[in-house]
C-alpha atoms as a PDB file:
ATOM      1  CA  MET A   1     -20.927 145.704 125.467  1.00  0.00           C
ATOM      2  CA  LEU A   2     -22.302 144.642 128.832  1.00  0.00           C
ATOM      3  CA  LEU A   3     -24.499 147.074 130.755  1.00  0.00           C
ATOM      4  CA  VAL A   4     -25.161 146.926 134.485  1.00  0.00           C
ATOM      5  CA  VAL A   5     -28.890 146.739 135.230  1.00  0.00           C
ATOM      6  CA  GLY A   6     -28.691 145.763 138.889  1.00  0.00           C
ATOM      7  CA  GLN A   7     -26.562 144.753 141.839  1.00  0.00           C
ATOM      8  CA  ILE A   8     -27.226 141.971 144.297  1.00  0.00           C
ATOM      9  CA  GLY A   9     -27.635 143.180 147.863  1.00  0.00           C
ATOM     10  CA  LYS A  10     -27.983 141.329 151.120  1.00  0.00           C
ATOM     11  CA  PRO A  11     -29.789 138.013 151.549  1.00  0.00           C
ATOM     12  CA  HIS A  12     -33.459 138.113 152.464  1.00  0.00           C
ATOM     13  CA  GLY A  13     -34.563 135.204 154.598  1.00  0.00           C
ATOM     14  CA  ILE A  14     -33.028 131.723 154.646  1.00  0.00           C
ATOM     15  CA  ARG A  15     -34.098 130.283 151.290  1.00  0.00           C
ATOM     16  CA  GLY A  16     -31.683 132.084 148.954  1.00  0.00           C
ATOM     17  CA  GLU A  17     -33.666 135.228 148.252  1.00  0.00           C
ATOM     18  CA  VAL A  18     -31.562 138.355 147.730  1.00  0.00           C
ATOM     19  CA  SER A  19     -32.336 142.034 147.478  1.00  0.00           C
ATOM     20  CA  VAL A  20     -31.532 143.618 144.118  1.00  0.00           C
ATOM     21  CA  VAL A  21     -30.653 147.285 143.703  1.00  0.00           C
ATOM     22  CA  VAL A  22     -32.062 148.236 140.305  1.00  0.00           C
ATOM     23  CA  ARG A  23     -29.871 150.301 137.963  1.00  0.00           C
ATOM     24  CA  THR A  24     -32.202 150.564 134.987  1.00  0.00           C
ATOM     25  CA  ASP A  25     -35.120 152.791 134.080  1.00  0.00           C
ATOM     26  CA  GLU A  26     -37.115 149.768 132.940  1.00  0.00           C
ATOM     27  CA  PRO A  27     -37.096 147.217 135.773  1.00  0.00           C
ATOM     28  CA  GLU A  28     -40.407 145.750 134.604  1.00  0.00           C
ATOM     29  CA  VAL A  29     -38.737 144.849 131.284  1.00  0.00           C
ATOM     30  CA  ARG A  30     -35.315 143.729 132.547  1.00  0.00           C
ATOM     31  CA  PHE A  31     -36.394 141.781 135.643  1.00  0.00           C
ATOM     32  CA  VAL A  32     -38.905 139.178 134.525  1.00  0.00           C
ATOM     33  CA  PRO A  33     -38.752 135.468 135.303  1.00  0.00           C
ATOM     34  CA  GLY A  34     -36.435 133.775 132.836  1.00  0.00           C
ATOM     35  CA  SER A  35     -34.177 136.819 132.361  1.00  0.00           C
ATOM     36  CA  VAL A  36     -30.519 135.853 132.040  1.00  0.00           C
ATOM     37  CA  PHE A  37     -27.869 138.103 133.588  1.00  0.00           C
ATOM     38  CA  VAL A  38     -24.120 137.997 133.056  1.00  0.00           C
ATOM     39  CA  THR A  39     -22.425 138.355 136.450  1.00  0.00           C
ATOM     40  CA  GLU A  40     -19.384 140.356 137.430  1.00  0.00           C
ATOM     41  CA  VAL A  41     -17.732 140.410 140.832  1.00  0.00           C
ATOM     42  CA  PRO A  42     -16.592 144.007 141.470  1.00  0.00           C
ATOM     43  CA  LYS A  43     -12.919 144.410 142.318  1.00  0.00           C
ATOM     44  CA  ASP A  44     -13.763 146.617 145.300  1.00  0.00           C
ATOM     45  CA  ARG A  45     -16.431 144.332 146.772  1.00  0.00           C
ATOM     46  CA  ARG A  46     -16.392 144.554 150.564  1.00  0.00           C
ATOM     47  CA  VAL A  47     -17.776 141.067 151.108  1.00  0.00           C
ATOM     48  CA  SER A  48     -15.273 138.216 150.865  1.00  0.00           C
ATOM     49  CA  THR A  49     -14.851 137.106 147.271  1.00  0.00           C
ATOM     50  CA  GLY A  50     -13.589 133.691 148.292  1.00  0.00           C
ATOM     51  CA  PRO A  51     -15.642 130.548 148.003  1.00  0.00           C
ATOM     52  CA  ALA A  52     -18.510 130.277 150.445  1.00  0.00           C
ATOM     53  CA  ALA A  53     -19.013 127.120 152.445  1.00  0.00           C
ATOM     54  CA  VAL A  54     -22.209 125.372 151.444  1.00  0.00           C
ATOM     55  CA  PRO A  55     -23.870 122.294 152.898  1.00  0.00           C
ATOM     56  CA  ALA A  56     -21.964 118.994 152.512  1.00  0.00           C
ATOM     57  CA  GLY A  57     -18.565 120.743 152.488  1.00  0.00           C
ATOM     58  CA  ALA A  58     -18.701 121.827 148.838  1.00  0.00           C
ATOM     59  CA  VAL A  59     -17.547 125.285 147.714  1.00  0.00           C
ATOM     60  CA  PHE A  60     -19.456 127.880 145.724  1.00  0.00           C
ATOM     61  CA  GLN A  61     -18.089 130.138 143.003  1.00  0.00           C
ATOM     62  CA  VAL A  62     -20.159 132.963 141.531  1.00  0.00           C
ATOM     63  CA  PRO A  63     -21.616 131.575 138.280  1.00  0.00           C
ATOM     64  CA  LYS A  64     -20.942 133.382 134.983  1.00  0.00           C
ATOM     65  CA  GLN A  65     -24.701 133.783 134.490  1.00  0.00           C
ATOM     66  CA  LEU A  66     -27.751 133.876 136.720  1.00  0.00           C
ATOM     67  CA  VAL A  67     -31.299 133.140 135.597  1.00  0.00           C
ATOM     68  CA  LEU A  68     -34.081 134.973 137.411  1.00  0.00           C
ATOM     69  CA  GLU A  69     -36.664 132.559 138.738  1.00  0.00           C
ATOM     70  CA  GLN A  70     -38.964 135.033 140.477  1.00  0.00           C
ATOM     71  CA  ILE A  71     -39.014 138.597 141.776  1.00  0.00           C
ATOM     72  CA  ARG A  72     -41.266 140.699 143.953  1.00  0.00           C
ATOM     73  CA  TRP A  73     -40.935 144.381 144.716  1.00  0.00           C
ATOM     74  CA  HIS A  74     -40.576 145.862 148.185  1.00  0.00           C
ATOM     75  CA  GLN A  75     -39.746 149.523 148.951  1.00  0.00           C
ATOM     76  CA  GLY A  76     -38.105 150.188 145.577  1.00  0.00           C
ATOM     77  CA  ARG A  77     -35.951 147.064 145.597  1.00  0.00           C
ATOM     78  CA  GLY A  78     -36.480 143.697 144.107  1.00  0.00           C
ATOM     79  CA  ILE A  79     -36.463 140.579 146.250  1.00  0.00           C
ATOM     80  CA  ALA A  80     -35.232 137.943 143.813  1.00  0.00           C
ATOM     81  CA  VAL A  81     -34.747 134.208 143.593  1.00  0.00           C
ATOM     82  CA  PHE A  82     -32.239 132.953 141.033  1.00  0.00           C
ATOM     83  CA  GLU A  83     -32.166 129.402 139.699  1.00  0.00           C
ATOM     84  CA  ASN A  84     -30.078 127.039 141.854  1.00  0.00           C
ATOM     85  CA  ILE A  85     -29.597 129.642 144.621  1.00  0.00           C
ATOM     86  CA  TYR A  86     -31.718 128.304 147.475  1.00  0.00           C
ATOM     87  CA  ASP A  87     -29.501 128.789 150.544  1.00  0.00           C
ATOM     88  CA  ARG A  88     -28.698 131.877 152.621  1.00  0.00           C
ATOM     89  CA  ASN A  89     -24.946 131.126 152.635  1.00  0.00           C
ATOM     90  CA  ILE A  90     -24.857 130.993 148.857  1.00  0.00           C
ATOM     91  CA  ALA A  91     -27.008 134.136 148.662  1.00  0.00           C
ATOM     92  CA  GLU A  92     -24.492 135.882 150.939  1.00  0.00           C
ATOM     93  CA  ALA A  93     -21.667 134.883 148.561  1.00  0.00           C
ATOM     94  CA  LEU A  94     -23.499 136.761 145.778  1.00  0.00           C
ATOM     95  CA  ARG A  95     -23.639 140.061 147.696  1.00  0.00           C
ATOM     96  CA  GLY A  96     -22.261 142.928 145.597  1.00  0.00           C
ATOM     97  CA  VAL A  97     -22.300 141.027 142.296  1.00  0.00           C
ATOM     98  CA  TRP A  98     -23.266 143.121 139.252  1.00  0.00           C
ATOM     99  CA  LEU A  99     -26.108 141.894 137.021  1.00  0.00           C
ATOM    100  CA  GLN A 100     -25.488 142.790 133.374  1.00  0.00           C
ATOM    101  CA  VAL A 101     -27.166 142.463 129.982  1.00  0.00           C
ATOM    102  CA  ASP A 102     -25.742 142.790 126.481  1.00  0.00           C
ATOM    103  CA  SER A 103     -26.299 146.279 125.021  1.00  0.00           C
ATOM    104  CA  ASP A 104     -27.229 144.723 121.655  1.00  0.00           C
ATOM    105  CA  SER A 105     -30.409 143.394 123.279  1.00  0.00           C
ATOM    106  CA  LEU A 106     -31.612 146.901 124.216  1.00  0.00           C
ATOM    107  CA  ALA A 107     -33.972 148.938 122.090  1.00  0.00           C
ATOM    108  CA  PRO A 108     -32.923 152.565 121.612  1.00  0.00           C
ATOM    109  CA  PRO A 109     -34.720 155.030 123.923  1.00  0.00           C
ATOM    110  CA  GLU A 110     -37.882 156.573 122.497  1.00  0.00           C
ATOM    111  CA  ASP A 111     -37.135 159.997 124.013  1.00  0.00           C
ATOM    112  CA  PRO A 112     -34.507 161.848 121.916  1.00  0.00           C
ATOM    113  CA  ASP A 113     -33.100 163.416 125.121  1.00  0.00           C
ATOM    114  CA  GLU A 114     -32.516 160.035 126.774  1.00  0.00           C
ATOM    115  CA  PHE A 115     -29.380 157.954 126.322  1.00  0.00           C
ATOM    116  CA  HIS A 116     -27.969 154.650 127.454  1.00  0.00           C
ATOM    117  CA  ASP A 117     -24.755 155.017 129.447  1.00  0.00           C
ATOM    118  CA  HIS A 118     -22.760 152.989 126.915  1.00  0.00           C
ATOM    119  CA  GLN A 119     -23.680 155.478 124.172  1.00  0.00           C
ATOM    120  CA  LEU A 120     -21.969 158.299 126.087  1.00  0.00           C
ATOM    121  CA  VAL A 121     -18.789 156.596 127.303  1.00  0.00           C
ATOM    122  CA  GLY A 122     -15.815 157.755 125.237  1.00  0.00           C
ATOM    123  CA  LEU A 123     -17.475 160.858 123.773  1.00  0.00           C
ATOM    124  CA  ARG A 124     -15.451 164.081 123.677  1.00  0.00           C
ATOM    125  CA  VAL A 125     -16.603 166.766 126.120  1.00  0.00           C
ATOM    126  CA  GLU A 126     -16.067 170.282 124.797  1.00  0.00           C
ATOM    127  CA  SER A 127     -17.245 173.861 125.064  1.00  0.00           C
ATOM    128  CA  ALA A 128     -19.497 175.494 122.457  1.00  0.00           C
ATOM    129  CA  SER A 129     -16.371 177.116 120.986  1.00  0.00           C
ATOM    130  CA  GLY A 130     -14.693 173.717 120.592  1.00  0.00           C
ATOM    131  CA  GLU A 131     -12.313 173.739 123.591  1.00  0.00           C
ATOM    132  CA  LEU A 132     -11.689 170.098 124.526  1.00  0.00           C
ATOM    133  CA  TYR A 133     -12.132 169.333 128.240  1.00  0.00           C
ATOM    134  CA  GLY A 134     -11.708 165.554 128.022  1.00  0.00           C
ATOM    135  CA  THR A 135     -13.766 162.417 127.440  1.00  0.00           C
ATOM    136  CA  VAL A 136     -16.628 160.691 129.219  1.00  0.00           C
ATOM    137  CA  GLU A 137     -15.196 157.970 131.455  1.00  0.00           C
ATOM    138  CA  ARG A 138     -18.570 156.793 132.793  1.00  0.00           C
ATOM    139  CA  ILE A 139     -21.947 157.997 134.046  1.00  0.00           C
ATOM    140  CA  GLU A 140     -22.699 158.011 137.780  1.00  0.00           C
ATOM    141  CA  HIS A 141     -26.334 157.837 138.826  1.00  0.00           C
ATOM    142  CA  ALA A 142     -26.644 160.093 141.866  1.00  0.00           C
ATOM    143  CA  PRO A 143     -29.938 160.741 143.703  1.00  0.00           C
ATOM    144  CA  SER A 144     -30.323 164.353 142.517  1.00  0.00           C
ATOM    145  CA  SER A 145     -29.076 163.966 138.934  1.00  0.00           C
ATOM    146  CA  ASP A 146     -26.848 161.845 136.770  1.00  0.00           C
ATOM    147  CA  LEU A 147     -23.190 162.879 136.665  1.00  0.00           C
ATOM    148  CA  ILE A 148     -20.730 162.716 133.797  1.00  0.00           C
ATOM    149  CA  VAL A 149     -17.385 161.452 135.067  1.00  0.00           C
ATOM    150  CA  LEU A 150     -14.976 163.410 132.903  1.00  0.00           C
ATOM    151  CA  SER A 151     -11.465 162.158 132.244  1.00  0.00           C
ATOM    152  CA  LYS A 152      -9.787 165.568 131.916  1.00  0.00           C
ATOM    153  CA  VAL A 153      -7.241 166.321 129.193  1.00  0.00           C
ATOM    154  CA  ALA A 154      -4.822 167.643 131.837  1.00  0.00           C
ATOM    155  CA  GLY A 155      -5.237 164.475 133.926  1.00  0.00           C
ATOM    156  CA  GLY A 156      -7.565 163.540 136.741  1.00  0.00           C
ATOM    157  CA  THR A 157     -11.332 163.427 136.734  1.00  0.00           C
ATOM    158  CA  ALA A 158     -14.196 165.856 137.311  1.00  0.00           C
ATOM    159  CA  LEU A 159     -17.930 165.442 137.824  1.00  0.00           C
ATOM    160  CA  ILE A 160     -20.338 167.329 135.573  1.00  0.00           C
ATOM    161  CA  PRO A 161     -24.074 167.331 136.430  1.00  0.00           C
ATOM    162  CA  PHE A 162     -25.931 165.860 133.465  1.00  0.00           C
ATOM    163  CA  VAL A 163     -28.652 168.529 133.350  1.00  0.00           C
ATOM    164  CA  SER A 164     -29.799 170.522 130.315  1.00  0.00           C
ATOM    165  CA  ALA A 165     -28.558 173.847 131.737  1.00  0.00           C
ATOM    166  CA  ILE A 166     -24.974 172.518 131.795  1.00  0.00           C
ATOM    167  CA  VAL A 167     -25.185 169.909 129.011  1.00  0.00           C
ATOM    168  CA  PRO A 168     -27.208 171.557 126.230  1.00  0.00           C
ATOM    169  CA  THR A 169     -26.082 169.232 123.407  1.00  0.00           C
ATOM    170  CA  VAL A 170     -25.363 165.535 123.058  1.00  0.00           C
ATOM    171  CA  ASP A 171     -24.183 164.815 119.521  1.00  0.00           C
ATOM    172  CA  LEU A 172     -23.866 161.028 119.241  1.00  0.00           C
ATOM    173  CA  ALA A 173     -23.202 161.135 115.500  1.00  0.00           C
ATOM    174  CA  GLY A 174     -20.446 163.725 115.997  1.00  0.00           C
ATOM    175  CA  GLY A 175     -18.984 161.849 118.970  1.00  0.00           C
ATOM    176  CA  ARG A 176     -19.200 164.815 121.325  1.00  0.00           C
ATOM    177  CA  ILE A 177     -21.025 166.410 124.215  1.00  0.00           C
ATOM    178  CA  VAL A 178     -21.164 170.207 124.325  1.00  0.00           C
ATOM    179  CA  VAL A 179     -21.163 171.683 127.832  1.00  0.00           C
ATOM    180  CA  ASP A 180     -21.651 175.153 129.281  1.00  0.00           C
ATOM    181  CA  LEU A 181     -19.698 174.862 132.523  1.00  0.00           C
ATOM    182  CA  PRO A 182     -20.037 177.198 135.500  1.00  0.00           C
ATOM    183  CA  GLU A 183     -16.784 178.945 136.444  1.00  0.00           C
ATOM    184  CA  GLY A 184     -14.428 176.657 138.375  1.00  0.00           C
ATOM    185  CA  LEU A 185     -16.413 173.413 138.001  1.00  0.00           C
ATOM    186  CA  LEU A 186     -13.426 171.526 136.599  1.00  0.00           C
ATOM    187  CA  ASP A 187     -11.228 172.745 139.462  1.00  0.00           C
ATOM    188  CA  LEU A 188     -13.219 170.905 142.141  1.00  0.00           C
END
């Protein structure tokens, strides 16, 4: 399974550098020169997904993989150079592209209360008494706390703050997450 560890932002300068929004707790491990990322162009990308004009009239398509050549950190974001991306126009064509790694290459978290997103997707979400609310569709990483995006049994989705007061138990072996929901949370 592929896991998103970053997203390419806007170009930085004229030599192909791009900003990278980090989506991993371990940027110092994931973003080192030589790291290989599988790319994915999001379906809802706001920047044109068509080929970008490059010098000499050629066209550019987002490569299936990008290799990190160098990175420096500035105000919480990486400023990266990828192999063979040395032009601002090409860097602009990469804006919004997801950077992913294979989940098999990740070591399990050392903290027993920490989980990789892919471990949670698909788990049943239920009350302590066993009432099924739905399944985990994905995890959203919001500024204040992570959110479980719940695909409700009755249809639709709901957001559940992933905090210990509301999510007291994550049972990976049992394939479930036990929640103690405040009144009306699933009605929002």
